[in-house]
Amino acid sequence: MEQCVVIVLLISRLCTLCSCLSHQYHFVNIQKSWTEAQTYCRENHTDLATIDDTEEMKALMEAVDTDFNGEAWIGLYDDRDNWQWSLVDSGFYSEGATEFRNWRNDQPDNYESREHCVIVNGMGTWLDVPCDRAFKSICYDGENSSHYNSLHTTVRFDSEMLYLHVFNGVVT
């Protein structure tokens, strides 16, 4: 019985660890166009920032420089038919993750039919702007989204060995 309680506590702790893992964001304090920022992020990190939900939006805002009060590129762009993220691998995203948006109230407006890339402002809301304008950028590192982080651990109870694999917050 005592072993079962320990296992349940361990599993709940591992699930908590997995759910709080998120992208590692990097604020790049160099002005670039969206395409230049994307290239820089892909060469030095994984890609421009991809934000799956409000929790990741909060993490992104906490990760940027404390003096940041301007605007910075994220990985969202308009491909003529709809908004999509710079990282195109659909296997990267959990269900519904590509649909998260945090537009400022008057956005997107595609002013003069030229605004096809997205910046985040100091308040954490998004605006569509021309892709050739120069802004700072936010990159992230990670092979996969926080929803796909994998954590392995081995726990030894007497002579028994229990192997836990936590994937997407579920023990398998």
Protein backbone atom coordinates (compact mmCIF):
# COMPACT_ATOMS: atom_id res chain seq x y z
CA MET A 1 0.00 0.00 0.00
CA GLU A 2 2.79 2.39 0.95
CA GLN A 3 4.48 1.74 -2.40
CA CYS A 4 1.24 2.62 -4.22
CA VAL A 5 1.03 5.96 -2.42
CA VAL A 6 4.64 6.73 -3.30
CA ILE A 7 4.01 5.80 -6.93
CA VAL A 8 0.90 8.00 -7.12
CA LEU A 9 2.80 10.93 -5.61
CA LEU A 10 5.71 10.38 -7.98
CA ILE A 11 3.44 10.18 -11.01
CA SER A 12 1.59 13.36 -10.05
CA ARG A 13 4.91 15.16 -9.57
CA LEU A 14 6.19 13.99 -12.96
CA CYS A 15 2.98 15.10 -14.65
CA THR A 16 3.33 18.49 -12.98
CA LEU A 17 6.90 18.76 -14.23
CA CYS A 18 5.82 17.95 -17.78
CA SER A 19 2.95 20.40 -17.80
CA CYS A 20 5.15 23.29 -16.72
CA LEU A 21 7.88 22.64 -19.28
CA SER A 22 7.59 25.15 -22.06
CA HIS A 23 9.49 26.70 -24.90
CA GLN A 24 12.66 28.46 -23.92
CA TYR A 25 12.22 31.96 -25.34
CA HIS A 26 15.04 34.30 -26.34
CA PHE A 27 14.64 38.03 -26.84
CA VAL A 28 16.84 39.24 -29.72
CA ASN A 29 17.65 42.92 -29.31
CA ILE A 30 18.55 43.43 -32.99
CA GLN A 31 16.22 45.12 -35.47
CA LYS A 32 15.45 42.89 -38.48
CA SER A 33 12.69 42.29 -41.02
CA TRP A 34 10.43 39.30 -40.31
CA THR A 35 12.27 37.12 -42.85
CA GLU A 36 15.68 38.14 -41.46
CA ALA A 37 14.44 37.46 -37.92
CA GLN A 38 13.12 34.05 -38.96
CA THR A 39 16.47 33.19 -40.58
CA TYR A 40 18.36 34.35 -37.49
CA CYS A 41 16.12 32.32 -35.17
CA ARG A 42 16.41 29.20 -37.32
CA GLU A 43 20.21 29.49 -37.48
CA ASN A 44 20.70 30.19 -33.76
CA HIS A 45 17.66 28.62 -32.08
CA THR A 46 14.69 26.63 -33.41
CA ASP A 47 12.46 29.28 -34.97
CA LEU A 48 10.58 32.49 -34.27
CA ALA A 49 8.39 32.20 -31.18
CA THR A 50 5.36 29.96 -31.46
CA ILE A 51 2.72 30.42 -28.76
CA ASP A 52 0.20 27.63 -28.12
CA ASP A 53 -1.90 29.10 -25.32
CA THR A 54 -2.21 31.81 -22.66
CA GLU A 55 0.26 30.05 -20.36
CA GLU A 56 2.94 30.14 -23.04
CA MET A 57 2.06 33.76 -23.78
CA LYS A 58 2.72 34.57 -20.12
CA ALA A 59 6.00 32.63 -20.23
CA LEU A 60 7.06 34.52 -23.35
CA MET A 61 6.34 37.90 -21.74
CA GLU A 62 8.27 36.89 -18.62
CA ALA A 63 11.22 35.74 -20.74
CA VAL A 64 11.71 38.95 -22.69
CA ASP A 65 13.96 41.68 -21.39
CA THR A 66 12.46 43.53 -18.42
CA ASP A 67 13.05 46.80 -20.26
CA PHE A 68 11.07 45.55 -23.27
CA ASN A 69 8.16 47.86 -23.91
CA GLY A 70 8.23 47.99 -27.67
CA GLU A 71 7.40 45.39 -30.26
CA ALA A 72 9.04 42.17 -31.42
CA TRP A 73 8.44 39.61 -34.15
CA ILE A 74 6.81 36.27 -33.37
CA GLY A 75 6.39 33.40 -35.83
CA LEU A 76 2.84 34.09 -36.99
CA TYR A 77 2.25 35.18 -40.59
CA ASP A 78 -0.56 35.42 -43.16
CA ASP A 79 -0.13 33.02 -46.07
CA ARG A 80 -3.01 34.62 -48.04
CA ASP A 81 -5.64 32.14 -46.88
CA ASN A 82 -5.12 32.13 -43.12
CA TRP A 83 -2.71 32.89 -40.28
CA GLN A 84 -0.18 30.19 -39.57
CA TRP A 85 2.98 29.67 -37.58
CA SER A 86 6.47 29.83 -39.05
CA LEU A 87 7.22 26.26 -37.97
CA VAL A 88 5.17 24.25 -40.46
CA ASP A 89 5.65 20.74 -39.04
CA SER A 90 2.10 19.82 -38.01
CA GLY A 91 3.45 17.06 -35.75
CA PHE A 92 4.95 19.75 -33.55
CA TYR A 93 1.61 21.09 -32.34
CA SER A 94 -0.91 19.59 -29.98
CA GLU A 95 -4.58 19.63 -30.96
CA GLY A 96 -5.85 23.21 -31.20
CA ALA A 97 -2.44 24.76 -30.48
CA THR A 98 -2.18 26.40 -33.91
CA GLU A 99 -5.46 28.23 -33.31
CA PHE A 100 -4.37 30.33 -30.30
CA ARG A 101 -4.43 34.09 -31.02
CA ASN A 102 -3.94 37.13 -28.80
CA TRP A 103 -4.80 40.02 -31.12
CA ARG A 104 -5.09 43.59 -29.93
CA ASN A 105 -8.77 44.67 -30.15
CA ASP A 106 -8.40 46.44 -33.52
CA GLN A 107 -6.26 43.69 -35.08
CA PRO A 108 -5.65 42.12 -37.49
CA ASP A 109 -6.57 44.88 -39.91
CA ASN A 110 -4.23 44.22 -42.87
CA TYR A 111 -3.89 47.97 -43.39
CA GLU A 112 -3.39 48.78 -47.09
CA SER A 113 -3.31 45.01 -47.75
CA ARG A 114 0.37 44.94 -46.70
CA GLU A 115 0.33 43.56 -43.16
CA HIS A 116 1.16 39.87 -43.31
CA CYS A 117 3.48 39.35 -40.31
CA VAL A 118 2.90 39.62 -36.57
CA ILE A 119 4.57 41.43 -33.69
CA VAL A 120 3.84 41.24 -29.99
CA ASN A 121 3.74 44.53 -28.10
CA GLY A 122 4.81 45.25 -24.54
CA MET A 123 1.29 44.45 -23.30
CA GLY A 124 1.44 40.98 -24.84
CA THR A 125 -1.11 41.60 -27.58
CA TRP A 126 -0.49 40.98 -31.27
CA LEU A 127 -0.57 43.30 -34.27
CA ASP A 128 -0.25 42.58 -37.97
CA VAL A 129 2.38 44.74 -39.68
CA PRO A 130 4.31 44.80 -42.98
CA CYS A 131 6.94 42.05 -43.01
CA ASP A 132 9.68 44.35 -44.31
CA ARG A 133 9.62 46.65 -41.26
CA ALA A 134 12.43 46.25 -38.73
CA PHE A 135 11.67 45.04 -35.20
CA LYS A 136 13.41 43.09 -32.48
CA SER A 137 12.40 39.44 -32.33
CA ILE A 138 11.62 36.58 -29.99
CA CYS A 139 13.04 33.15 -30.80
CA TYR A 140 12.57 29.87 -28.98
CA ASP A 141 14.52 26.67 -28.51
CA GLY A 142 13.12 23.20 -28.49
CA GLU A 143 12.72 20.16 -30.67
CA ASN A 144 9.04 20.09 -29.88
CA SER A 145 6.36 22.04 -28.17
CA SER A 146 5.88 21.84 -24.41
CA HIS A 147 3.07 19.39 -25.11
CA TYR A 148 5.59 16.90 -26.50
CA ASN A 149 8.36 17.08 -23.93
CA SER A 150 9.26 13.64 -22.73
CA LEU A 151 10.57 12.78 -19.28
CA HIS A 152 11.96 9.38 -18.29
CA THR A 153 12.72 8.21 -14.78
CA THR A 154 13.47 4.96 -13.03
CA VAL A 155 12.32 4.25 -9.48
CA ARG A 156 13.58 1.28 -7.45
CA PHE A 157 11.39 -0.36 -4.78
CA ASP A 158 13.19 -3.19 -3.02
CA SER A 159 13.99 -5.67 -5.78
CA GLU A 160 11.30 -4.41 -8.13
CA MET A 161 12.02 -1.89 -10.82
CA LEU A 162 9.34 0.46 -12.11
CA TYR A 163 9.90 2.42 -15.30
CA LEU A 164 7.75 5.46 -15.93
CA HIS A 165 7.52 7.27 -19.22
CA VAL A 166 5.65 10.53 -19.13
CA PHE A 167 4.49 11.83 -22.50
CA ASN A 168 2.13 14.74 -22.95
CA GLY A 169 1.31 14.68 -19.25
CA VAL A 170 0.22 11.02 -19.38
CA VAL A 171 2.16 8.16 -17.83
CA THR A 172 2.68 5.32 -20.30
